Amino acid sequence: MRKRSALEDVEGIGPKRRQALLKYMGGLQELKKASREEIAKVPGISKALAEKIYDALQH
């Protein structure tokens, strides 16, 4: 059984946005190190969604 990604629990993040985030950032470890501002630069990710993603990855 595969481990669930922390991104899967974020409301508003589906497979396409998850893929875009990982591709833009270069992987999950890099995404976890990214700031809210860096996450918000990803095409299709709003500032509000970037906040949710950042918070989900910090726990």
PDB file of N, CA and C in Angstrom:
ATOM      1  N   MET A   1       0.843  -1.182   0.000  1.00  0.00           N
ATOM      2  CA  MET A   1       0.000   0.000   0.000  1.00  0.00           C
ATOM      3  C   MET A   1       0.889   1.245   0.000  1.00  0.00           C
ATOM      4  N   ARG A   2       0.554   2.175  -0.847  1.00  0.00           N
ATOM      5  CA  ARG A   2       1.389   3.364  -0.971  1.00  0.00           C
ATOM      6  C   ARG A   2       1.044   4.375   0.108  1.00  0.00           C
ATOM      7  N   LYS A   3       2.067   5.075   0.532  1.00  0.00           N
ATOM      8  CA  LYS A   3       1.897   6.122   1.548  1.00  0.00           C
ATOM      9  C   LYS A   3       1.217   7.333   0.909  1.00  0.00           C
ATOM     10  N   ARG A   4       0.276   7.906   1.633  1.00  0.00           N
ATOM     11  CA  ARG A   4      -0.414   9.095   1.123  1.00  0.00           C
ATOM     12  C   ARG A   4       0.499  10.311   1.223  1.00  0.00           C
ATOM     13  N   SER A   5       0.423  11.131   0.215  1.00  0.00           N
ATOM     14  CA  SER A   5       1.174  12.382   0.215  1.00  0.00           C
ATOM     15  C   SER A   5       0.440  13.399   1.070  1.00  0.00           C
ATOM     16  N   ALA A   6       1.186  14.245   1.752  1.00  0.00           N
ATOM     17  CA  ALA A   6       0.574  15.316   2.539  1.00  0.00           C
ATOM     18  C   ALA A   6      -0.247  16.229   1.635  1.00  0.00           C
ATOM     19  N   LEU A   7       0.121  16.291   0.369  1.00  0.00           N
ATOM     20  CA  LEU A   7      -0.607  17.135  -0.580  1.00  0.00           C
ATOM     21  C   LEU A   7      -2.014  16.615  -0.852  1.00  0.00           C
ATOM     22  N   GLU A   8      -2.213  15.307  -0.733  1.00  0.00           N
ATOM     23  CA  GLU A   8      -3.523  14.722  -1.011  1.00  0.00           C
ATOM     24  C   GLU A   8      -4.577  15.178  -0.016  1.00  0.00           C
ATOM     25  N   ASP A   9      -4.162  15.625   1.148  1.00  0.00           N
ATOM     26  CA  ASP A   9      -5.104  16.060   2.181  1.00  0.00           C
ATOM     27  C   ASP A   9      -5.452  17.546   2.081  1.00  0.00           C
ATOM     28  N   VAL A  10      -4.821  18.255   1.164  1.00  0.00           N
ATOM     29  CA  VAL A  10      -5.079  19.689   1.022  1.00  0.00           C
ATOM     30  C   VAL A  10      -6.266  19.892   0.084  1.00  0.00           C
ATOM     31  N   GLU A  11      -7.301  20.554   0.596  1.00  0.00           N
ATOM     32  CA  GLU A  11      -8.474  20.842  -0.223  1.00  0.00           C
ATOM     33  C   GLU A  11      -8.076  21.757  -1.376  1.00  0.00           C
ATOM     34  N   GLY A  12      -8.472  21.393  -2.580  1.00  0.00           N
ATOM     35  CA  GLY A  12      -8.141  22.199  -3.757  1.00  0.00           C
ATOM     36  C   GLY A  12      -6.941  21.674  -4.531  1.00  0.00           C
ATOM     37  N   ILE A  13      -6.292  20.644  -4.011  1.00  0.00           N
ATOM     38  CA  ILE A  13      -5.148  20.050  -4.699  1.00  0.00           C
ATOM     39  C   ILE A  13      -5.544  18.680  -5.235  1.00  0.00           C
ATOM     40  N   GLY A  14      -5.653  18.607  -6.543  1.00  0.00           N
ATOM     41  CA  GLY A  14      -5.937  17.342  -7.205  1.00  0.00           C
ATOM     42  C   GLY A  14      -4.676  16.843  -7.882  1.00  0.00           C
ATOM     43  N   PRO A  15      -4.809  15.789  -8.656  1.00  0.00           N
ATOM     44  CA  PRO A  15      -3.627  15.208  -9.319  1.00  0.00           C
ATOM     45  C   PRO A  15      -2.860  16.189 -10.207  1.00  0.00           C
ATOM     46  N   LYS A  16      -3.566  17.039 -10.944  1.00  0.00           N
ATOM     47  CA  LYS A  16      -2.880  17.967 -11.859  1.00  0.00           C
ATOM     48  C   LYS A  16      -2.089  19.028 -11.103  1.00  0.00           C
ATOM     49  N   ARG A  17      -2.692  19.615 -10.082  1.00  0.00           N
ATOM     50  CA  ARG A  17      -1.972  20.638  -9.304  1.00  0.00           C
ATOM     51  C   ARG A  17      -0.829  20.008  -8.528  1.00  0.00           C
ATOM     52  N   ARG A  18      -1.052  18.816  -7.992  1.00  0.00           N
ATOM     53  CA  ARG A  18       0.014  18.127  -7.254  1.00  0.00           C
ATOM     54  C   ARG A  18       1.204  17.889  -8.182  1.00  0.00           C
ATOM     55  N   GLN A  19       0.925  17.411  -9.387  1.00  0.00           N
ATOM     56  CA  GLN A  19       1.985  17.153 -10.363  1.00  0.00           C
ATOM     57  C   GLN A  19       2.706  18.449 -10.733  1.00  0.00           C
ATOM     58  N   ALA A  20       1.942  19.532 -10.922  1.00  0.00           N
ATOM     59  CA  ALA A  20       2.540  20.823 -11.275  1.00  0.00           C
ATOM     60  C   ALA A  20       3.451  21.321 -10.156  1.00  0.00           C
ATOM     61  N   LEU A  21       3.000  21.175  -8.920  1.00  0.00           N
ATOM     62  CA  LEU A  21       3.806  21.599  -7.767  1.00  0.00           C
ATOM     63  C   LEU A  21       5.123  20.837  -7.711  1.00  0.00           C
ATOM     64  N   LEU A  22       5.043  19.526  -7.831  1.00  0.00           N
ATOM     65  CA  LEU A  22       6.244  18.695  -7.721  1.00  0.00           C
ATOM     66  C   LEU A  22       7.198  18.948  -8.882  1.00  0.00           C
ATOM     67  N   LYS A  23       6.640  19.129 -10.074  1.00  0.00           N
ATOM     68  CA  LYS A  23       7.479  19.386 -11.243  1.00  0.00           C
ATOM     69  C   LYS A  23       8.153  20.756 -11.126  1.00  0.00           C
ATOM     70  N   TYR A  24       7.396  21.769 -10.746  1.00  0.00           N
ATOM     71  CA  TYR A  24       7.920  23.132 -10.626  1.00  0.00           C
ATOM     72  C   TYR A  24       8.999  23.212  -9.552  1.00  0.00           C
ATOM     73  N   MET A  25       8.768  22.554  -8.435  1.00  0.00           N
ATOM     74  CA  MET A  25       9.693  22.625  -7.301  1.00  0.00           C
ATOM     75  C   MET A  25      10.834  21.616  -7.399  1.00  0.00           C
ATOM     76  N   GLY A  26      10.656  20.575  -8.193  1.00  0.00           N
ATOM     77  CA  GLY A  26      11.710  19.584  -8.338  1.00  0.00           C
ATOM     78  C   GLY A  26      11.589  18.406  -7.387  1.00  0.00           C
ATOM     79  N   GLY A  27      10.438  18.259  -6.763  1.00  0.00           N
ATOM     80  CA  GLY A  27      10.212  17.115  -5.881  1.00  0.00           C
ATOM     81  C   GLY A  27       9.629  17.520  -4.544  1.00  0.00           C
ATOM     82  N   LEU A  28       9.202  16.525  -3.790  1.00  0.00           N
ATOM     83  CA  LEU A  28       8.533  16.775  -2.517  1.00  0.00           C
ATOM     84  C   LEU A  28       9.473  17.383  -1.479  1.00  0.00           C
ATOM     85  N   GLN A  29      10.713  16.935  -1.423  1.00  0.00           N
ATOM     86  CA  GLN A  29      11.646  17.483  -0.427  1.00  0.00           C
ATOM     87  C   GLN A  29      11.883  18.971  -0.661  1.00  0.00           C
ATOM     88  N   GLU A  30      12.022  19.358  -1.927  1.00  0.00           N
ATOM     89  CA  GLU A  30      12.216  20.770  -2.254  1.00  0.00           C
ATOM     90  C   GLU A  30      10.962  21.572  -1.933  1.00  0.00           C
ATOM     91  N   LEU A  31       9.799  20.979  -2.201  1.00  0.00           N
ATOM     92  CA  LEU A  31       8.531  21.651  -1.904  1.00  0.00           C
ATOM     93  C   LEU A  31       8.387  21.876  -0.404  1.00  0.00           C
ATOM     94  N   LYS A  32       8.812  20.910   0.393  1.00  0.00           N
ATOM     95  CA  LYS A  32       8.731  21.050   1.854  1.00  0.00           C
ATOM     96  C   LYS A  32       9.624  22.182   2.364  1.00  0.00           C
ATOM     97  N   LYS A  33      10.709  22.461   1.649  1.00  0.00           N
ATOM     98  CA  LYS A  33      11.637  23.524   2.051  1.00  0.00           C
ATOM     99  C   LYS A  33      11.197  24.897   1.547  1.00  0.00           C
ATOM    100  N   ALA A  34      10.248  24.923   0.624  1.00  0.00           N
ATOM    101  CA  ALA A  34       9.831  26.174  -0.020  1.00  0.00           C
ATOM    102  C   ALA A  34       9.027  27.061   0.926  1.00  0.00           C
ATOM    103  N   SER A  35       9.141  28.358   0.698  1.00  0.00           N
ATOM    104  CA  SER A  35       8.352  29.327   1.470  1.00  0.00           C
ATOM    105  C   SER A  35       6.959  29.448   0.853  1.00  0.00           C
ATOM    106  N   ARG A  36       6.072  30.097   1.581  1.00  0.00           N
ATOM    107  CA  ARG A  36       4.724  30.350   1.050  1.00  0.00           C
ATOM    108  C   ARG A  36       4.809  31.124  -0.270  1.00  0.00           C
ATOM    109  N   GLU A  37       5.707  32.098  -0.313  1.00  0.00           N
ATOM    110  CA  GLU A  37       5.860  32.934  -1.505  1.00  0.00           C
ATOM    111  C   GLU A  37       6.341  32.114  -2.699  1.00  0.00           C
ATOM    112  N   GLU A  38       7.272  31.201  -2.456  1.00  0.00           N
ATOM    113  CA  GLU A  38       7.769  30.350  -3.544  1.00  0.00           C
ATOM    114  C   GLU A  38       6.666  29.435  -4.064  1.00  0.00           C
ATOM    115  N   ILE A  39       5.876  28.878  -3.162  1.00  0.00           N
ATOM    116  CA  ILE A  39       4.779  27.990  -3.557  1.00  0.00           C
ATOM    117  C   ILE A  39       3.750  28.764  -4.378  1.00  0.00           C
ATOM    118  N   ALA A  40       3.487  30.013  -4.006  1.00  0.00           N
ATOM    119  CA  ALA A  40       2.496  30.835  -4.711  1.00  0.00           C
ATOM    120  C   ALA A  40       2.935  31.187  -6.136  1.00  0.00           C
ATOM    121  N   LYS A  41       4.212  31.025  -6.453  1.00  0.00           N
ATOM    122  CA  LYS A  41       4.705  31.302  -7.808  1.00  0.00           C
ATOM    123  C   LYS A  41       4.362  30.187  -8.788  1.00  0.00           C
ATOM    124  N   VAL A  42       3.972  29.032  -8.282  1.00  0.00           N
ATOM    125  CA  VAL A  42       3.633  27.905  -9.152  1.00  0.00           C
ATOM    126  C   VAL A  42       2.365  28.259  -9.927  1.00  0.00           C
ATOM    127  N   PRO A  43       2.381  28.104 -11.258  1.00  0.00           N
ATOM    128  CA  PRO A  43       1.187  28.412 -12.050  1.00  0.00           C
ATOM    129  C   PRO A  43      -0.041  27.646 -11.545  1.00  0.00           C
ATOM    130  N   GLY A  44      -1.135  28.376 -11.341  1.00  0.00           N
ATOM    131  CA  GLY A  44      -2.378  27.754 -10.887  1.00  0.00           C
ATOM    132  C   GLY A  44      -2.532  27.683  -9.380  1.00  0.00           C
ATOM    133  N   ILE A  45      -1.544  28.186  -8.638  1.00  0.00           N
ATOM    134  CA  ILE A  45      -1.603  28.153  -7.175  1.00  0.00           C
ATOM    135  C   ILE A  45      -1.779  29.580  -6.648  1.00  0.00           C
ATOM    136  N   SER A  46      -2.902  29.817  -5.981  1.00  0.00           N
ATOM    137  CA  SER A  46      -3.172  31.140  -5.408  1.00  0.00           C
ATOM    138  C   SER A  46      -2.412  31.300  -4.092  1.00  0.00           C
ATOM    139  N   LYS A  47      -2.389  32.532  -3.589  1.00  0.00           N
ATOM    140  CA  LYS A  47      -1.728  32.765  -2.293  1.00  0.00           C
ATOM    141  C   LYS A  47      -2.422  31.983  -1.186  1.00  0.00           C
ATOM    142  N   ALA A  48      -3.756  31.955  -1.217  1.00  0.00           N
ATOM    143  CA  ALA A  48      -4.515  31.234  -0.188  1.00  0.00           C
ATOM    144  C   ALA A  48      -4.215  29.738  -0.242  1.00  0.00           C
ATOM    145  N   LEU A  49      -4.130  29.195  -1.446  1.00  0.00           N
ATOM    146  CA  LEU A  49      -3.826  27.774  -1.601  1.00  0.00           C
ATOM    147  C   LEU A  49      -2.381  27.498  -1.190  1.00  0.00           C
ATOM    148  N   ALA A  50      -1.486  28.413  -1.494  1.00  0.00           N
ATOM    149  CA  ALA A  50      -0.085  28.271  -1.089  1.00  0.00           C
ATOM    150  C   ALA A  50       0.019  28.195   0.432  1.00  0.00           C
ATOM    151  N   GLU A  51      -0.790  28.983   1.136  1.00  0.00           N
ATOM    152  CA  GLU A  51      -0.814  28.945   2.611  1.00  0.00           C
ATOM    153  C   GLU A  51      -1.221  27.553   3.098  1.00  0.00           C
ATOM    154  N   LYS A  52      -2.281  27.005   2.499  1.00  0.00           N
ATOM    155  CA  LYS A  52      -2.770  25.674   2.898  1.00  0.00           C
ATOM    156  C   LYS A  52      -1.707  24.606   2.645  1.00  0.00           C
ATOM    157  N   ILE A  53      -1.063  24.696   1.493  1.00  0.00           N
ATOM    158  CA  ILE A  53      -0.027  23.719   1.133  1.00  0.00           C
ATOM    159  C   ILE A  53       1.136  23.817   2.115  1.00  0.00           C
ATOM    160  N   TYR A  54       1.592  25.028   2.356  1.00  0.00           N
ATOM    161  CA  TYR A  54       2.712  25.255   3.274  1.00  0.00           C
ATOM    162  C   TYR A  54       2.392  24.682   4.654  1.00  0.00           C
ATOM    163  N   ASP A  55       1.212  25.017   5.171  1.00  0.00           N
ATOM    164  CA  ASP A  55       0.815  24.538   6.500  1.00  0.00           C
ATOM    165  C   ASP A  55       0.739  23.018   6.550  1.00  0.00           C
ATOM    166  N   ALA A  56       0.205  22.401   5.504  1.00  0.00           N
ATOM    167  CA  ALA A  56       0.072  20.939   5.470  1.00  0.00           C
ATOM    168  C   ALA A  56       1.441  20.257   5.465  1.00  0.00           C
ATOM    169  N   LEU A  57       2.401  20.859   4.801  1.00  0.00           N
ATOM    170  CA  LEU A  57       3.731  20.251   4.692  1.00  0.00           C
ATOM    171  C   LEU A  57       4.597  20.479   5.923  1.00  0.00           C
ATOM    172  N   GLN A  58       4.217  21.393   6.781  1.00  0.00           N
ATOM    173  CA  GLN A  58       5.009  21.672   7.982  1.00  0.00           C
ATOM    174  C   GLN A  58       4.651  20.758   9.144  1.00  0.00           C
ATOM    175  N   HIS A  59       3.586  19.986   9.009  1.00  0.00           N
ATOM    176  CA  HIS A  59       3.155  19.106  10.107  1.00  0.00           C
ATOM    177  C   HIS A  59       3.644  17.701   9.923  1.00  0.00           C
TER     178      HIS A  59
END
